[in-house]
Protein backbone atom coordinates (compact mmCIF):
# COMPACT_ATOMS: atom_id res chain seq x y z
CA MET A 1 0.01 0.01 -0.03
CA GLY A 2 1.38 3.42 -1.03
CA TYR A 3 0.97 6.77 0.66
CA PRO A 4 -2.67 7.58 1.64
CA VAL A 5 -4.57 9.48 -1.07
CA ALA A 6 -7.61 11.65 -0.42
CA ALA A 7 -10.93 10.61 -1.90
CA GLY A 8 -11.31 11.58 -5.51
CA ARG A 9 -7.58 11.97 -6.19
CA PRO A 10 -5.68 9.52 -8.40
CA ASP A 11 -3.45 6.89 -6.81
CA TYR A 12 -0.25 6.38 -8.82
CA SER A 13 1.31 3.88 -6.51
CA GLY A 14 2.34 0.78 -8.45
CA ILE A 15 1.64 2.55 -11.79
CA PHE A 16 3.84 5.62 -12.15
CA ILE A 17 5.42 5.22 -8.72
CA PRO A 18 7.45 1.98 -9.01
CA GLU A 19 7.83 -0.76 -6.39
CA TYR A 20 11.14 -2.47 -5.82
CA TRP A 21 12.20 -5.97 -4.84
CA SER A 22 15.13 -5.91 -2.50
CA GLY A 23 18.18 -7.93 -3.42
CA LYS A 24 18.82 -8.60 0.26
CA PHE A 25 16.93 -11.42 1.98
CA ASN A 26 15.54 -10.97 5.48
CA ILE A 27 17.66 -13.12 7.77
CA LYS A 28 16.14 -16.36 9.05
CA PHE A 29 16.95 -17.41 12.62
CA TYR A 30 17.48 -21.09 13.47
CA LYS A 31 17.34 -22.91 16.74
CA TYR A 32 20.70 -23.26 18.44
CA THR A 33 21.94 -26.86 17.98
CA VAL A 34 24.14 -28.70 20.52
CA LEU A 35 24.55 -32.23 19.18
CA ALA A 36 28.10 -31.61 17.82
CA GLN A 37 29.17 -30.37 21.25
CA ILE A 38 27.71 -33.12 23.47
CA ALA A 39 28.02 -36.36 21.39
CA ASN A 40 31.10 -38.21 20.35
CA THR A 41 31.58 -39.78 16.88
CA ASN A 42 33.98 -42.50 17.92
CA TRP A 43 32.44 -45.22 15.74
CA GLU A 44 31.27 -43.12 12.77
CA GLY A 45 34.32 -44.01 10.71
CA GLU A 46 33.61 -47.74 11.03
CA ILE A 47 29.93 -47.55 10.09
CA LYS A 48 30.61 -45.28 7.10
CA LYS A 49 32.51 -48.13 5.44
CA ASP A 50 29.54 -50.52 5.16
CA GLY A 51 26.74 -52.14 7.13
CA ASP A 52 24.19 -50.58 9.43
CA THR A 53 25.30 -51.82 12.88
CA VAL A 54 28.44 -51.50 14.95
CA HIS A 55 28.78 -53.93 17.87
CA ILE A 56 30.65 -51.94 20.49
CA ARG A 57 32.71 -54.03 22.90
CA GLN A 58 32.78 -53.08 26.56
CA ILE A 59 35.51 -53.79 29.14
CA PRO A 60 34.06 -56.15 31.81
CA THR A 61 34.54 -55.54 35.54
CA VAL A 62 37.02 -58.06 36.97
CA GLN A 63 36.32 -59.02 40.61
CA ASN A 64 39.12 -59.38 43.14
CA TYR A 65 39.03 -61.41 46.34
CA ALA A 66 40.84 -61.74 49.67
CA TYR A 67 43.63 -64.28 49.59
CA THR A 68 44.72 -66.83 52.20
CA LYS A 69 48.05 -68.52 51.77
CA GLY A 70 47.67 -71.94 50.22
CA GLN A 71 44.00 -71.62 49.37
CA THR A 72 42.48 -73.04 46.16
CA LEU A 73 41.87 -70.22 43.77
CA GLY A 74 38.50 -69.71 42.12
CA VAL A 75 38.25 -68.70 38.48
CA ASP A 76 35.68 -66.24 37.10
CA THR A 77 34.31 -66.50 33.57
CA LEU A 78 34.33 -62.98 32.17
CA THR A 79 31.56 -61.95 29.79
CA GLU A 80 31.99 -59.10 27.28
CA PRO A 81 28.83 -57.03 27.20
CA LEU A 82 28.00 -55.42 23.83
CA VAL A 83 26.25 -52.18 22.94
CA ASP A 84 24.89 -51.87 19.41
CA LEU A 85 24.98 -48.65 17.47
CA VAL A 86 22.40 -48.97 14.70
CA VAL A 87 21.95 -46.54 11.79
CA ASP A 88 18.18 -46.62 11.54
CA GLN A 89 17.15 -42.98 11.23
CA GLY A 90 16.74 -40.77 8.19
CA ARG A 91 15.50 -37.33 7.22
CA TYR A 92 15.10 -35.81 3.78
CA PHE A 93 13.90 -32.68 1.97
CA SER A 94 12.81 -32.26 -1.58
CA PHE A 95 11.60 -29.16 -3.45
CA LEU A 96 11.12 -27.99 -7.08
CA ILE A 97 12.24 -24.84 -8.77
CA ASP A 98 10.68 -24.19 -12.19
CA ASP A 99 13.24 -23.64 -14.96
CA VAL A 100 11.47 -20.46 -16.20
CA ASP A 101 11.50 -19.01 -12.72
CA LYS A 102 15.13 -20.02 -12.23
CA TYR A 103 16.28 -18.21 -15.37
CA GLN A 104 14.10 -15.10 -14.81
CA MET A 105 14.73 -14.60 -11.12
CA ASP A 106 17.23 -12.00 -9.97
CA GLN A 107 18.38 -14.26 -7.11
CA ASP A 108 19.95 -17.71 -7.00
CA LEU A 109 17.18 -19.24 -4.90
CA MET A 110 18.39 -22.83 -5.42
CA ASP A 111 21.47 -22.28 -3.30
CA LYS A 112 19.71 -20.19 -0.67
CA TRP A 113 16.83 -22.61 -0.26
CA SER A 114 19.17 -25.63 -0.22
CA ASP A 115 21.20 -24.07 2.56
CA ALA A 116 18.07 -23.20 4.53
CA ALA A 117 16.70 -26.77 4.08
CA ALA A 118 19.97 -28.28 5.32
CA LYS A 119 19.95 -26.07 8.42
CA ASP A 120 16.34 -26.83 9.16
CA MET A 121 17.14 -30.57 8.93
CA LYS A 122 20.02 -30.14 11.31
CA VAL A 123 17.67 -28.49 13.86
CA THR A 124 15.18 -31.35 13.48
CA ILE A 125 17.81 -34.03 13.99
CA ASP A 126 19.17 -32.20 17.05
CA ARG A 127 15.67 -32.15 18.60
CA LEU A 128 15.02 -35.80 17.81
CA VAL A 129 18.32 -37.01 19.27
CA LEU A 130 17.88 -34.99 22.45
CA SER A 131 14.35 -36.39 22.83
CA GLY A 132 15.70 -39.92 22.48
CA THR A 133 18.70 -39.50 24.79
CA TYR A 134 17.51 -38.70 28.32
CA GLY A 135 15.83 -42.09 28.72
CA GLY A 136 19.22 -43.81 28.36
CA ALA A 137 20.54 -42.45 31.66
CA SER A 138 21.43 -45.03 34.31
CA ALA A 139 18.64 -45.69 36.82
CA ASP A 140 21.18 -44.92 39.58
CA ASN A 141 21.63 -41.36 38.19
CA VAL A 142 18.01 -40.16 38.13
CA GLY A 143 14.94 -39.86 40.35
CA SER A 144 14.46 -38.80 43.96
CA SER A 145 17.37 -40.88 45.33
CA ALA A 146 20.05 -40.55 42.65
CA GLY A 147 23.66 -41.38 43.37
CA VAL A 148 25.04 -44.91 42.96
CA GLU A 149 26.98 -44.70 46.22
CA SER A 150 24.77 -42.51 48.43
CA SER A 151 21.27 -42.31 46.88
CA SER A 152 21.22 -38.83 48.39
CA TYR A 153 20.40 -36.53 45.44
CA ASN A 154 16.88 -35.55 44.44
CA MET A 155 16.87 -35.00 40.67
CA GLY A 156 13.09 -34.93 40.41
CA VAL A 157 10.61 -37.61 39.61
CA ALA A 158 7.25 -37.86 37.80
CA GLY A 159 4.62 -36.10 39.84
CA THR A 160 7.15 -34.00 41.77
CA PRO A 161 9.43 -32.18 39.36
CA ILE A 162 12.04 -29.87 40.86
CA ALA A 163 10.94 -26.22 40.89
CA LEU A 164 14.11 -24.37 39.76
CA ASN A 165 14.78 -20.69 40.37
CA GLU A 166 17.76 -18.37 40.64
CA ASP A 167 18.27 -19.33 44.30
CA ASN A 168 18.53 -23.08 43.84
CA VAL A 169 19.60 -23.78 40.26
CA VAL A 170 23.34 -23.81 40.97
CA ASP A 171 22.83 -26.23 43.90
CA TYR A 172 21.07 -28.74 41.65
CA LEU A 173 23.75 -28.45 38.99
CA VAL A 174 26.34 -29.22 41.68
CA ASP A 175 24.18 -32.26 42.67
CA ALA A 176 24.21 -33.38 39.05
CA GLY A 177 27.98 -33.11 39.15
CA SER A 178 28.12 -35.25 42.31
CA VAL A 179 25.90 -37.90 40.69
CA LEU A 180 28.52 -38.26 37.94
CA ASP A 181 31.31 -38.15 40.55
CA GLU A 182 29.81 -41.21 42.27
CA GLN A 183 30.05 -42.98 38.92
CA ASN A 184 33.76 -42.03 38.62
CA ILE A 185 33.13 -39.95 35.48
CA PRO A 186 36.10 -37.75 34.40
CA ASP A 187 35.95 -34.06 35.19
CA GLU A 188 36.87 -33.00 31.66
CA ASP A 189 34.36 -32.81 28.78
CA ARG A 190 31.23 -32.58 30.96
CA TRP A 191 28.21 -30.73 29.56
CA CYS A 192 24.63 -29.61 30.40
CA VAL A 193 21.87 -28.78 27.93
CA LEU A 194 19.41 -26.37 29.55
CA PRO A 195 16.37 -24.45 28.34
CA VAL A 196 16.63 -20.71 27.87
CA TRP A 197 14.51 -19.91 30.89
CA LEU A 198 16.84 -21.80 33.15
CA CYS A 199 19.92 -20.14 31.68
CA ASN A 200 18.11 -16.85 32.48
CA LYS A 201 17.91 -17.92 36.17
CA ILE A 202 21.56 -18.88 36.26
CA LYS A 203 22.43 -15.37 35.12
CA LYS A 204 20.32 -13.93 37.92
CA SER A 205 21.81 -16.24 40.52
CA ASP A 206 24.81 -15.39 42.76
CA LEU A 207 27.09 -16.33 39.84
CA LYS A 208 26.19 -13.08 38.14
CA ASP A 209 28.97 -11.68 40.37
CA ALA A 210 32.15 -12.33 38.54
CA SER A 211 34.12 -12.53 41.77
CA LEU A 212 32.00 -15.49 42.85
CA SER A 213 32.09 -17.36 39.53
CA GLY A 214 35.84 -16.87 39.11
CA ASP A 215 35.44 -15.34 35.67
CA ALA A 216 37.14 -12.17 34.51
CA LYS A 217 33.84 -10.53 33.60
CA SER A 218 30.31 -10.98 34.89
CA MET A 219 28.05 -13.20 32.76
CA LEU A 220 25.58 -10.35 32.72
CA ARG A 221 28.14 -8.36 30.69
CA THR A 222 29.10 -11.13 28.32
CA GLY A 223 25.84 -13.06 28.05
CA LEU A 224 27.83 -16.27 28.31
CA ILE A 225 27.46 -18.72 31.18
CA GLY A 226 30.56 -20.82 30.50
CA GLU A 227 31.12 -23.56 33.09
CA ILE A 228 29.50 -24.46 36.40
CA ASP A 229 30.98 -27.22 38.53
CA ARG A 230 32.90 -28.62 35.50
CA PHE A 231 29.82 -28.63 33.26
CA LYS A 232 29.98 -26.53 30.10
CA ILE A 233 26.50 -25.02 29.81
CA TYR A 234 24.67 -25.07 26.48
CA ARG A 235 21.28 -23.40 25.98
CA SER A 236 18.71 -24.95 23.72
CA ASN A 237 15.08 -24.50 22.71
CA SER A 238 14.98 -28.26 21.91
CA VAL A 239 15.26 -29.56 25.50
CA PRO A 240 12.75 -32.48 25.80
CA THR A 241 9.58 -31.70 27.70
CA THR A 242 6.54 -33.50 29.07
CA THR A 243 3.35 -32.37 30.71
CA ASP A 244 3.32 -33.06 34.46
CA THR A 245 0.49 -30.70 35.45
CA VAL A 246 2.81 -28.02 33.96
CA THR A 247 5.45 -28.20 31.29
CA THR A 248 8.40 -30.11 32.70
CA TYR A 249 11.90 -30.29 31.24
CA TYR A 250 14.54 -33.02 31.08
CA CYS A 251 17.62 -30.90 31.75
CA MET A 252 20.42 -33.28 30.79
CA CYS A 253 23.93 -33.27 32.14
CA GLY A 254 26.57 -35.71 31.05
CA HIS A 255 30.02 -36.54 29.72
CA ILE A 256 31.09 -36.62 26.04
CA SER A 257 31.46 -40.39 26.34
CA ALA A 258 27.77 -40.93 27.15
CA LEU A 259 26.22 -40.34 23.70
CA THR A 260 27.61 -41.42 20.35
CA PHE A 261 26.36 -40.28 16.99
CA ALA A 262 27.07 -41.52 13.49
CA ALA A 263 26.00 -39.98 10.17
CA GLN A 264 26.44 -42.71 7.57
CA MET A 265 25.21 -40.81 4.57
CA THR A 266 24.71 -37.16 3.87
CA GLU A 267 23.77 -36.34 0.28
CA MET A 268 22.60 -33.35 -1.66
CA ARG A 269 21.53 -33.56 -5.30
CA SER A 270 19.72 -31.75 -8.09
CA LEU A 271 17.64 -33.66 -10.62
CA VAL A 272 15.73 -32.74 -13.78
CA ALA A 273 12.05 -32.96 -13.03
CA GLU A 274 10.24 -35.64 -15.03
CA SER A 275 6.79 -34.10 -15.35
CA THR A 276 7.65 -30.43 -15.88
CA PHE A 277 10.53 -28.15 -16.88
CA GLY A 278 12.24 -27.66 -13.56
CA THR A 279 14.87 -28.86 -11.17
CA LYS A 280 14.32 -30.94 -8.07
CA VAL A 281 16.69 -30.26 -5.15
CA GLN A 282 16.88 -33.07 -2.63
CA GLY A 283 18.87 -33.78 0.53
CA LEU A 284 19.19 -36.93 2.66
CA ASN A 285 20.82 -37.59 6.00
CA VAL A 286 20.98 -41.17 7.34
CA TYR A 287 22.16 -41.47 10.92
CA GLY A 288 22.07 -43.32 14.19
CA TYR A 289 22.75 -42.57 17.83
CA LYS A 290 23.06 -44.45 21.12
CA VAL A 291 23.67 -43.84 24.78
CA VAL A 292 26.79 -46.10 25.15
CA LYS A 293 27.66 -45.12 28.72
CA PRO A 294 24.45 -44.70 30.76
CA GLU A 295 26.44 -44.05 33.88
CA ALA A 296 27.85 -40.88 32.29
CA LEU A 297 24.37 -39.32 31.86
CA THR A 298 21.85 -37.78 34.29
CA TYR A 299 19.05 -35.22 34.12
CA ILE A 300 17.21 -32.81 36.39
CA TYR A 301 13.47 -33.38 36.01
CA ALA A 302 12.51 -29.70 36.45
CA LYS A 303 9.80 -27.11 36.06
CA ASN A 304 10.05 -23.34 36.00
CA SER A 305 9.46 -21.76 39.38
CA ALA A 306 8.17 -18.37 38.28
């Protein structure tokens, strides 16, 4: 719509007053993805060669016993437990650009749309993997009595999610760290994936004071949370949720060894359309993931305490 025109006066907008199409596209924002930061790809190289399954060998626990001089020694038979990584997931996109449009357009939409489709697929895969991961945590690491040694940490349970706020969020992250400590998980390469509202509360907690967090600058100045009790904090709008009277979140914390991911096939192609003059652009991603060390994964079953 052009500039307002009084009744009875001619409107030249779109006739003598031209309209212009901008050569600049309005930016599209994508959900922040975290899969590349929290999952390892230790077995991707093997599964890319051929096949759809990798049988991952585990090192068994070897028992030791008290010894009395001269006693007859017992012998244990060790079993080698296996974890299977299966490539059984796939996502694709497919769209058509008419040849007439392609030649007459002032923009190379094929490349722009292909790039956008690939990014949207990445966001979808990130969300699906996160949704399928939290359930793989060890039973000793979750619930109202988490902790394989002490059973003393309340991480939330169905019916009674933890109400997190700026006063208690750091305490619960420290508890999550202790849950992993009781499983002898290394300090390095730990991570947490938290919803945006919870990151907001962390920034309002006592850690907003740089002198307390040990950082050179306050997180309120940088906008970055960094690390809390050895966990590198990642924010995400794809944190899995459920409805437990209110929206409840599975706020996962773990170690890089917990989750493995393998993309066996990532392909992008353009094809001549059969039924019309045009080009079909298609992309495919075939992948699999698995929680291979359940003891290295926990989650806080939490709701927002407004």
